[in-house]
Each structure stands twice: as C-alpha cells, then as structure tokens.
Protein backbone atom coordinates (compact mmCIF):
# COMPACT_ATOMS: atom_id res chain seq x y z
CA MET A 1 47.62 -17.75 10.02
CA THR A 2 44.21 -15.94 9.68
CA THR A 3 41.24 -16.57 11.96
CA THR A 4 37.70 -15.96 11.46
CA LYS A 5 35.93 -13.65 13.81
CA LEU A 6 33.10 -15.35 15.56
CA PRO A 7 29.72 -13.46 15.59
CA ALA A 8 28.87 -11.76 18.71
CA ILE A 9 25.51 -10.42 17.57
CA LEU A 10 22.18 -12.62 16.70
CA VAL A 11 19.54 -11.36 14.74
CA SER A 12 16.02 -13.08 15.06
CA GLY A 13 13.55 -12.52 12.44
CA ALA A 14 16.29 -12.02 9.80
CA THR A 15 14.12 -13.19 6.80
CA GLY A 16 11.46 -10.62 7.34
CA THR A 17 11.06 -7.15 6.27
CA ILE A 18 13.10 -5.37 8.93
CA GLY A 19 15.30 -8.34 9.74
CA SER A 20 16.56 -8.69 6.18
CA ALA A 21 16.94 -4.97 5.97
CA LEU A 22 19.20 -5.12 9.21
CA ALA A 23 21.07 -8.24 7.92
CA LYS A 24 21.85 -6.55 4.86
CA LEU A 25 23.41 -3.39 6.73
CA LEU A 26 25.32 -5.72 9.13
CA ALA A 27 26.82 -7.51 6.07
CA GLU A 28 27.77 -4.05 4.34
CA LYS A 29 29.51 -2.85 7.30
CA GLY A 30 31.51 -6.32 7.64
CA THR A 31 29.90 -6.88 11.04
CA PRO A 32 29.93 -10.82 11.67
CA PHE A 33 26.40 -11.78 12.96
CA ARG A 34 24.40 -14.99 13.35
CA ALA A 35 20.83 -15.07 11.78
CA LEU A 36 18.31 -17.27 13.52
CA VAL A 37 15.60 -18.70 11.24
CA ARG A 38 12.78 -21.02 11.83
CA PRO A 39 13.15 -24.68 10.48
CA THR A 40 11.59 -24.84 7.21
CA GLY A 41 13.54 -27.49 5.35
CA ALA A 42 15.49 -25.34 3.29
CA THR A 43 18.03 -23.33 5.04
CA PRO A 44 18.23 -19.74 3.49
CA HIS A 45 21.44 -18.06 2.39
CA ILE A 46 21.75 -14.80 4.22
CA PRO A 47 24.84 -12.93 3.18
CA GLY A 48 27.57 -12.35 5.68
CA ALA A 49 25.65 -14.43 8.31
CA GLU A 50 26.10 -17.73 10.21
CA VAL A 51 22.65 -19.01 9.73
CA VAL A 52 21.13 -21.08 12.63
CA GLU A 53 17.77 -22.89 12.68
CA GLY A 54 15.81 -22.58 15.88
CA ASP A 55 12.18 -22.40 17.47
CA LEU A 56 11.57 -19.97 20.13
CA ASN A 57 9.12 -22.68 21.80
CA ASP A 58 12.31 -24.79 22.08
CA GLN A 59 14.88 -23.68 24.63
CA LYS A 60 17.49 -26.05 23.43
CA SER A 61 17.65 -24.56 19.97
CA LEU A 62 17.65 -21.23 21.39
CA LYS A 63 20.48 -22.28 23.86
CA ASN A 64 22.32 -23.07 20.75
CA ALA A 65 21.51 -20.19 18.82
CA LEU A 66 22.45 -17.96 21.85
CA SER A 67 25.83 -19.58 22.54
CA GLY A 68 28.70 -17.05 22.72
CA ILE A 69 26.29 -14.08 21.70
CA GLU A 70 26.79 -10.81 23.37
CA ARG A 71 24.05 -8.55 21.76
CA ALA A 72 20.84 -9.85 20.33
CA PHE A 73 18.18 -8.36 18.10
CA LEU A 74 14.49 -9.29 19.25
CA LEU A 75 11.77 -9.53 16.82
CA THR A 76 9.11 -12.23 16.12
CA ASN A 77 6.26 -12.61 13.84
CA SER A 78 2.81 -11.34 14.89
CA SER A 79 1.10 -14.11 16.79
CA PRO A 80 -1.21 -14.90 19.47
CA GLU A 81 1.89 -16.27 21.27
CA ALA A 82 4.14 -13.44 20.34
CA GLU A 83 4.63 -12.01 24.14
CA SER A 84 5.33 -15.57 25.56
CA LEU A 85 7.91 -16.27 22.77
CA GLN A 86 9.57 -13.20 23.20
CA ILE A 87 9.70 -13.68 27.26
CA ALA A 88 11.17 -17.20 26.50
CA PHE A 89 13.96 -15.70 24.43
CA VAL A 90 14.63 -13.11 27.05
CA ASP A 91 15.01 -15.97 29.55
CA ALA A 92 17.13 -17.87 27.22
CA ALA A 93 19.38 -14.88 26.54
CA LYS A 94 19.90 -13.98 30.08
CA ALA A 95 21.08 -17.64 30.79
CA ALA A 96 23.33 -17.79 27.79
CA GLY A 97 25.12 -14.56 29.01
CA VAL A 98 23.90 -12.15 26.45
CA GLN A 99 24.60 -8.55 27.55
CA HIS A 100 22.51 -6.56 25.53
CA ILE A 101 19.06 -6.90 23.80
CA VAL A 102 17.68 -4.60 21.17
CA LYS A 103 14.03 -5.12 20.85
CA LEU A 104 11.82 -4.00 18.19
CA SER A 105 8.78 -2.77 20.13
CA GLN A 106 5.75 -0.23 18.80
CA TYR A 107 5.31 3.37 19.27
CA ALA A 108 3.32 4.32 22.54
CA ALA A 109 3.78 0.64 24.16
CA HIS A 110 2.25 0.48 27.53
CA ARG A 111 0.84 -1.87 30.03
CA ASP A 112 -2.60 -0.01 30.37
CA SER A 113 -3.08 0.63 26.40
CA PRO A 114 -6.41 -0.30 25.13
CA VAL A 115 -4.40 -1.89 22.08
CA ARG A 116 -3.30 -5.74 22.61
CA PHE A 117 -0.27 -5.32 20.57
CA LEU A 118 1.06 -2.21 22.72
CA ARG A 119 0.39 -4.11 25.94
CA TYR A 120 2.40 -7.32 24.96
CA HIS A 121 5.43 -4.98 23.82
CA ALA A 122 5.16 -3.20 27.27
CA ALA A 123 5.12 -6.68 29.01
CA VAL A 124 8.38 -7.67 27.02
CA GLU A 125 10.02 -4.53 27.76
CA GLU A 126 9.44 -4.94 31.33
CA LYS A 127 10.81 -8.47 31.33
CA ILE A 128 13.95 -7.20 29.73
CA LEU A 129 14.25 -4.63 32.39
CA ALA A 130 13.75 -7.03 35.20
CA SER A 131 16.60 -9.21 33.47
CA GLY A 132 19.35 -6.63 34.34
CA MET A 133 20.64 -6.89 30.69
CA ALA A 134 21.44 -3.75 29.07
CA TYR A 135 18.47 -2.85 26.54
CA THR A 136 17.39 -0.66 23.57
CA PHE A 137 13.73 -0.16 22.89
CA LEU A 138 13.00 0.75 19.35
CA ARG A 139 9.44 1.93 19.19
CA PRO A 140 8.42 2.65 15.43
CA ASN A 141 5.13 4.27 14.52
CA LEU A 142 3.08 2.85 11.65
CA PHE A 143 5.28 1.53 8.96
CA MET A 144 5.16 3.18 5.43
CA GLN A 145 5.76 -0.32 4.01
CA GLY A 146 2.41 -1.39 5.31
CA LEU A 147 0.89 0.53 2.73
CA LEU A 148 2.17 -2.49 0.36
CA GLY A 149 -0.71 -4.50 2.16
CA PHE A 150 -3.25 -2.34 0.13
CA ARG A 151 -1.35 -2.91 -3.30
CA GLU A 152 -4.20 -5.04 -4.87
CA PRO A 153 -6.93 -2.44 -4.31
CA ILE A 154 -4.74 0.32 -5.49
CA MET A 155 -3.49 -1.35 -8.48
CA GLN A 156 -7.07 -2.41 -9.38
CA GLN A 157 -9.47 -0.10 -8.12
CA GLY A 158 -7.30 3.10 -7.63
CA LYS A 159 -8.59 2.67 -3.97
CA PHE A 160 -7.37 1.93 -0.22
CA PHE A 161 -9.54 1.70 2.74
CA ALA A 162 -8.96 2.17 6.41
CA THR A 163 -10.76 3.32 9.52
CA ILE A 164 -8.81 6.29 10.71
CA GLY A 165 -10.71 9.32 9.55
CA GLU A 166 -8.44 12.39 8.93
CA ALA A 167 -6.01 11.92 11.81
CA PRO A 168 -2.56 12.30 10.87
CA VAL A 169 0.28 9.67 11.60
CA SER A 170 3.89 10.31 11.65
CA LEU A 171 4.54 6.92 9.44
CA VAL A 172 8.14 5.63 9.39
CA ASP A 173 10.29 3.62 6.52
CA ILE A 174 11.46 0.35 7.76
CA ARG A 175 14.70 1.06 6.28
CA ASP A 176 15.32 3.78 8.95
CA ILE A 177 14.31 1.30 11.66
CA ALA A 178 16.85 -0.99 10.31
CA GLU A 179 19.51 1.62 10.38
CA VAL A 180 18.71 2.49 14.00
CA ALA A 181 18.83 -1.32 14.99
CA ALA A 182 22.23 -1.75 13.35
CA ALA A 183 23.56 1.44 15.28
CA ALA A 184 22.18 0.01 18.59
CA LEU A 185 23.83 -3.62 17.95
CA THR A 186 27.34 -2.15 17.32
CA ASN A 187 27.78 0.85 19.37
CA PRO A 188 27.37 0.77 23.19
CA VAL A 189 26.53 4.39 23.40
CA HIS A 190 22.82 3.32 22.51
CA GLU A 191 22.57 0.88 25.64
CA ASN A 192 19.75 1.78 28.05
CA ARG A 193 17.86 3.92 25.66
CA ILE A 194 14.32 4.00 24.24
CA TYR A 195 14.03 5.37 20.74
CA THR A 196 10.96 6.60 19.23
CA LEU A 197 11.08 5.99 15.55
CA THR A 198 8.87 8.16 13.11
CA GLY A 199 9.03 9.99 9.83
CA PRO A 200 9.82 13.71 9.61
CA GLN A 201 5.89 14.59 9.33
CA ALA A 202 2.67 13.41 10.21
CA ILE A 203 0.28 12.99 7.50
CA THR A 204 -3.27 11.84 6.79
CA HIS A 205 -4.34 8.78 4.86
CA ARG A 206 -5.86 11.52 2.41
CA GLN A 207 -2.44 13.04 1.91
CA ILE A 208 -1.17 9.63 1.37
CA ALA A 209 -3.66 9.19 -1.48
CA ALA A 210 -2.75 12.65 -2.71
CA THR A 211 1.03 11.66 -2.96
CA LEU A 212 0.60 8.39 -4.57
CA SER A 213 -1.77 9.74 -7.18
CA ALA A 214 0.91 12.42 -7.92
CA ALA A 215 3.85 9.76 -8.28
CA LEU A 216 1.76 7.36 -10.28
CA GLY A 217 -0.10 9.65 -12.40
CA ARG A 218 -3.56 8.30 -11.75
CA ASP A 219 -6.17 9.25 -9.09
CA ILE A 220 -5.98 7.22 -5.90
CA GLN A 221 -8.73 7.59 -3.33
CA TYR A 222 -8.58 6.74 0.14
CA ILE A 223 -11.98 5.54 1.40
CA ASP A 224 -12.72 5.77 5.20
CA VAL A 225 -14.93 3.12 6.38
CA PRO A 226 -16.31 2.13 9.77
CA PRO A 227 -14.58 -0.39 12.16
CA ASP A 228 -16.81 -3.22 11.45
CA ALA A 229 -16.63 -2.93 7.72
CA MET A 230 -12.66 -2.91 7.97
CA HIS A 231 -12.77 -6.00 10.34
CA GLN A 232 -14.97 -7.82 7.97
CA ALA A 233 -12.55 -6.84 5.09
CA LEU A 234 -9.51 -8.35 7.07
CA ILE A 235 -11.38 -11.39 7.85
CA ALA A 236 -12.38 -11.86 4.13
CA ALA A 237 -8.70 -11.16 3.30
CA GLY A 238 -7.54 -14.15 5.43
CA PHE A 239 -6.44 -12.47 8.59
CA PRO A 240 -7.34 -14.45 11.52
CA GLU A 241 -9.79 -13.11 14.05
CA TRP A 242 -7.21 -12.25 16.86
CA GLN A 243 -4.94 -10.06 14.15
CA ALA A 244 -8.01 -8.49 12.53
CA ALA A 245 -9.16 -7.35 16.18
CA GLY A 246 -5.81 -6.15 17.10
CA LEU A 247 -5.38 -4.12 13.88
CA ILE A 248 -8.92 -2.50 14.53
CA GLU A 249 -7.56 -1.66 17.96
CA ASP A 250 -4.43 -0.06 16.33
CA TYR A 251 -6.47 1.97 13.95
CA ALA A 252 -8.61 3.20 16.49
CA HIS A 253 -5.25 4.42 18.53
CA TYR A 254 -4.29 6.19 15.13
CA GLY A 255 -7.74 7.61 14.52
CA ARG A 256 -7.86 9.22 17.97
CA GLY A 257 -4.87 11.40 17.26
CA GLU A 258 -2.64 9.55 19.35
CA ALA A 259 0.41 8.68 16.81
CA ALA A 260 1.05 12.19 15.24
CA GLU A 261 4.27 12.81 17.35
CA VAL A 262 7.41 13.32 15.33
CA SER A 263 10.53 12.36 16.71
CA GLY A 264 14.09 13.21 15.94
CA ASP A 265 15.50 10.11 17.35
CA ILE A 266 16.13 8.90 13.79
CA GLU A 267 18.34 11.52 12.83
CA ALA A 268 20.06 11.74 16.39
CA VAL A 269 21.19 7.94 15.80
CA THR A 270 22.03 7.89 12.19
CA GLY A 271 23.20 11.48 11.56
CA ARG A 272 20.58 11.98 8.57
CA ALA A 273 16.76 12.70 8.61
CA ALA A 274 14.46 10.20 8.64
CA ARG A 275 13.35 9.25 4.93
CA ASP A 276 9.69 11.20 4.31
CA PHE A 277 6.73 9.72 2.49
CA ASN A 278 7.53 11.23 -0.92
CA ARG A 279 10.82 9.44 -0.68
CA PHE A 280 9.31 5.99 0.03
CA VAL A 281 6.59 6.44 -2.83
CA GLU A 282 9.61 7.11 -5.11
CA ASP A 283 11.36 4.35 -4.23
CA TYR A 284 8.32 1.97 -4.13
CA ALA A 285 6.29 3.38 -7.04
CA GLU A 286 6.56 0.42 -9.26
CA ALA A 287 5.01 -1.87 -6.55
CA PHE A 288 1.80 -0.01 -6.99
CA LEU A 289 1.69 -0.07 -10.70
CA PRO A 290 -0.72 -2.47 -12.56
CA GLU A 291 1.29 -5.22 -14.07
CA VAL A 292 0.68 -4.39 -17.61
CA LEU A 293 2.72 -1.04 -16.94
CA THR A 294 5.48 -2.52 -15.28
CA LYS A 295 5.90 -4.98 -18.12
CA ARG A 296 6.48 -2.32 -20.74
C-alpha cells in the first residue's frame, strides 16, 4: 500500500512571477507543497501543488490553508494593506504551529527608511522575529524583470524612462530569488538567516540601455526624467497614487547610490553565480522586440 506524502510547505503568491518560479522549482524537485491562491472563481492548475483558495483578510481561510504546514513562503501583492495582511498571516501561522517562515522582503528594509515599502517590510520582519518562529528573510534588490514594465516604450519608441540619473544598481534576476527561496524552504541550514540578493555587478540605466541595444540590434535609449515627470507618467499608466508615490521613493533611494552593493549570498546558497544582466537580456530579448519581428 502506498501513501501520499502530505505537503508541509505552503507557498503564498504562487501565481505571481516569483511565486510561480518557486512553485516550478519545488515541483521539479518532487517536493510536495500547498499553493495559496486568491479566490477568483476558477482555481488555477499548479503542477505539483495542492491548490487551496484563501484570503489573507479571512482568518478562517488562512487557518485552513496553514493546517499541517511546517514551513511557509510569505509573499503578497503590493497594496496599501500589504503590511497588515502579512502581519495577519504571521499571526495565523503562529497559531497553526508553523515552524519556519521564509519572507520575501526588500533590499535595505529598515524601520526608519524614507521609503514606505522598506518600512513595511521591516515591520513584518520584526513581527516574525517577535513570534519566535524560525525565519529566513530574502532581501532582493531591484528586479531585472521589472524592465518588462518598460516593454511598450522600448518596443515602440526605443526608449525607457526613469528618475535615477547615473546611479548604479545591482539588479537581481527573479529566477535566482526563487532558487534561494526553494533552498530556504527545504534545508534547515537556512533558518534564522538574512540573505541580501543582488546580481553580480552594479550597473547604471545607461548601461542597461547599451546592453539592450547590442542584444536587440537597434538603438535603445535611457531617458532620465525629473521625479515629478515620472510620477505623472506612472499615474497616466494607471498606477494608483499610493504605488506611484512609493515607486518615486524607491527610485530616490536608488538614485542616491544606496543600492549598489554586490552580495555573494545567491552563490553561497545555490552554489552558482547569480545571473548577470547579459543573461537576462539573452533570455528575454524577444519580449522587447516589436511584434512584427517576433512573428516572422
């Protein structure tokens, strides 16, 4: 008689960019896991996962999702309620007997930061520390895949815009973040650790443009704009005010040169060097090409 091993790992945010990459890695490893997804009326199929619907505002659904779970990956969508929702998750995890939380935080998270996103991540980290559960905090720098948000102007105008000047940033590939998360969830050696996740070098947005130009075979320009202009562009693109204002704070942080540190934590955890920006562009080049070229 065979028995099915029940999942001891819960992955929240399992349908997002990092969560889906993490889910894929766990499935490839043959590691049973439960995926927590928001109720949408159509439960997604996630290979290798037991999928449960839940709402972080609903303690009953959280209790159900966390039942029998030993280790949890905490990630929520960016929202004005992100801090309170994650704190509610920590409370529910503690009550359910979860032993270890792996939290996706952010580079330079600190209670006294002028950046609202960094303050909220720090507040949740403090909540986890106070809970007594084991923790792993993953603090990634600016995502390389965030450049996909500039896909339209890159394709249509050969330009992308930001308010960062010539400050270098050690961008990180989300696939590396997912690999570190998978390791933290499956090996207790990573308990009670804080990992700073960066790429292998700090580069400027002008260097980003040059790399894109070489890979795409067309001139791509980075245009530095004042914060007010970027804020207005974000609002025009449909970003809510709270998020647009927070992103401007993020970019002011980058622009002050505060995100240029290069960490070796990805290599230390995974055993291989972090992906560099050239690798990212090679793998995602087609996403930045005009449709007329991708359909040839």
